[in-house]
Amino acid sequence: MKLTEYISVLFGGTLFGFGLAYSGAAVPEVVLSFLTLKDFGLMFVIGGGLLVTALVYNLVPKLMKQSLFGHPFSVKDHSVVIRRTIVGASIFGVGWGLSGLCPGTSFAAVGMGNLPVLYGIAGMFAGALVYGLYRS
């Protein structure tokens, strides 16, 4: 990767983190309130993200032959759902529902000064380590 690519990734991640913080998605209590159907504000955040992603994912490859950095676009076959995907998504959903944390919002929450979230991040890394050991 070139320096300009690293800078663009850093900029995009920072912008994403600010968006999560501004919307309240990085506050576990707000997420849990959404998941218990008491506050639907995050529905607009999630819906907006899905809309932008769907538009960009479907339109940009048709308008451009390659990315701004010269990499070709590739489309993976997502029609195959395997058992590992279902199990992983279920574990992610249960963890998100119990803690109000997902990887992206967790790091944004730490950036906001919510340091107890580090326990949740440690749990995510421990789960990834256990999975890696199990798979190997």
Protein backbone atom coordinates (compact mmCIF):
# COMPACT_ATOMS: atom_id res chain seq x y z
CA MET A 1 0.00 0.00 0.00
CA LYS A 2 1.13 3.50 -0.76
CA LEU A 3 1.21 6.35 1.74
CA THR A 4 -1.79 8.00 0.07
CA GLU A 5 -3.79 4.82 0.56
CA TYR A 6 -2.91 4.70 4.26
CA ILE A 7 -3.90 8.34 4.64
CA SER A 8 -7.24 7.78 2.89
CA VAL A 9 -7.96 4.74 5.10
CA LEU A 10 -7.08 6.76 8.20
CA PHE A 11 -9.32 9.62 7.03
CA GLY A 12 -12.22 7.28 6.24
CA GLY A 13 -11.92 5.48 9.57
CA THR A 14 -11.75 8.76 11.46
CA LEU A 15 -14.81 10.09 9.64
CA PHE A 16 -16.65 6.84 10.36
CA GLY A 17 -15.70 7.02 14.05
CA PHE A 18 -16.92 10.62 14.33
CA GLY A 19 -20.17 9.61 12.66
CA LEU A 20 -20.66 6.77 15.13
CA ALA A 21 -19.92 9.07 18.06
CA TYR A 22 -22.16 11.87 16.79
CA SER A 23 -25.10 9.55 16.11
CA GLY A 24 -24.93 7.90 19.53
CA ALA A 25 -24.13 4.50 18.05
CA ALA A 26 -20.93 4.39 20.13
CA VAL A 27 -22.85 4.68 23.40
CA PRO A 28 -23.80 1.16 24.58
CA GLU A 29 -26.85 2.45 26.47
CA VAL A 30 -28.23 4.03 23.27
CA VAL A 31 -27.66 0.80 21.34
CA LEU A 32 -29.33 -1.30 24.03
CA SER A 33 -32.25 1.14 24.08
CA PHE A 34 -32.57 0.64 20.31
CA LEU A 35 -32.34 -3.15 20.58
CA THR A 36 -35.06 -3.22 23.25
CA LEU A 37 -37.31 -1.17 20.93
CA LYS A 38 -37.39 1.89 23.21
CA ASP A 39 -35.51 4.31 20.93
CA PHE A 40 -35.58 4.09 17.14
CA GLY A 41 -33.08 6.87 16.41
CA LEU A 42 -30.35 4.43 15.37
CA MET A 43 -32.68 3.00 12.73
CA PHE A 44 -32.04 6.15 10.68
CA VAL A 45 -28.27 5.80 11.16
CA ILE A 46 -28.31 2.15 10.11
CA GLY A 47 -30.73 2.82 7.25
CA GLY A 48 -28.64 5.73 5.98
CA GLY A 49 -25.51 3.60 6.09
CA LEU A 50 -27.22 0.77 4.22
CA LEU A 51 -28.56 3.15 1.58
CA VAL A 52 -25.19 4.77 0.91
CA THR A 53 -23.41 1.40 0.87
CA ALA A 54 -25.95 -0.14 -1.51
CA LEU A 55 -25.73 2.79 -3.90
CA VAL A 56 -21.94 2.96 -3.91
CA TYR A 57 -21.47 -0.81 -4.06
CA ASN A 58 -23.77 -1.11 -7.08
CA LEU A 59 -23.05 2.12 -8.97
CA VAL A 60 -19.34 2.86 -8.60
CA PRO A 61 -18.08 -0.31 -10.35
CA LYS A 62 -20.38 0.51 -13.28
CA LEU A 63 -19.08 4.08 -13.52
CA MET A 64 -15.38 3.36 -12.94
CA LYS A 65 -13.14 0.56 -14.23
CA GLN A 66 -10.86 0.65 -11.18
CA SER A 67 -10.62 2.34 -7.80
CA LEU A 68 -9.02 5.75 -7.29
CA PHE A 69 -5.79 3.96 -6.35
CA GLY A 70 -5.77 1.72 -9.41
CA HIS A 71 -7.07 -1.49 -7.84
CA PRO A 72 -9.68 -3.42 -9.85
CA PHE A 73 -13.15 -3.91 -8.43
CA SER A 74 -14.05 -7.50 -7.65
CA VAL A 75 -17.38 -9.01 -6.76
CA LYS A 76 -17.47 -12.07 -4.58
CA ASP A 77 -20.17 -14.70 -4.81
CA HIS A 78 -22.31 -14.11 -1.73
CA SER A 79 -24.95 -16.63 -2.71
CA VAL A 80 -23.31 -19.36 -0.66
CA VAL A 81 -24.18 -19.23 3.03
CA ILE A 82 -22.13 -21.61 5.09
CA ARG A 83 -22.72 -22.82 8.61
CA ARG A 84 -19.76 -20.81 9.95
CA THR A 85 -21.39 -17.61 8.68
CA ILE A 86 -24.65 -18.37 10.49
CA VAL A 87 -22.85 -19.30 13.72
CA GLY A 88 -20.60 -16.24 13.56
CA ALA A 89 -23.50 -13.89 12.88
CA SER A 90 -25.43 -15.41 15.76
CA ILE A 91 -22.54 -15.00 18.17
CA PHE A 92 -22.06 -11.41 16.99
CA GLY A 93 -25.77 -10.67 17.47
CA VAL A 94 -25.90 -12.15 20.96
CA GLY A 95 -22.77 -10.25 21.99
CA TRP A 96 -24.14 -7.02 20.53
CA GLY A 97 -27.45 -7.53 22.31
CA LEU A 98 -25.88 -8.30 25.68
CA SER A 99 -23.28 -5.55 25.69
CA GLY A 100 -24.42 -2.94 23.18
CA LEU A 101 -20.97 -3.17 21.59
CA CYS A 102 -19.71 -4.12 18.17
CA PRO A 103 -16.11 -3.72 16.96
CA GLY A 104 -16.55 -0.38 15.17
CA THR A 105 -18.58 1.31 17.85
CA SER A 106 -16.32 -0.05 20.59
CA PHE A 107 -13.25 1.73 19.29
CA ALA A 108 -15.27 4.90 18.74
CA ALA A 109 -16.50 4.66 22.35
CA VAL A 110 -12.93 4.38 23.65
CA GLY A 111 -12.07 7.45 21.59
CA MET A 112 -14.93 9.23 23.36
CA GLY A 113 -13.36 8.35 26.72
CA ASN A 114 -15.63 5.43 27.64
CA LEU A 115 -12.77 3.29 28.96
CA PRO A 116 -14.88 0.47 30.50
CA VAL A 117 -15.59 -0.53 26.89
CA LEU A 118 -12.02 -1.89 26.86
CA TYR A 119 -13.36 -4.94 28.71
CA GLY A 120 -15.67 -5.64 25.78
CA ILE A 121 -12.83 -5.16 23.29
CA ALA A 122 -10.70 -7.58 25.31
CA GLY A 123 -13.57 -10.07 25.09
CA MET A 124 -13.75 -9.65 21.31
CA PHE A 125 -10.03 -10.30 20.99
CA ALA A 126 -10.28 -13.31 23.31
CA GLY A 127 -13.12 -14.72 21.21
CA ALA A 128 -11.11 -14.19 18.02
CA LEU A 129 -8.12 -15.92 19.61
CA VAL A 130 -10.21 -18.90 20.71
CA TYR A 131 -11.72 -19.15 17.24
CA GLY A 132 -8.29 -18.95 15.62
CA LEU A 133 -6.93 -21.66 17.87
CA TYR A 134 -9.99 -23.83 17.22
CA ARG A 135 -9.73 -23.40 13.44
CA SER A 136 -6.02 -24.18 13.36
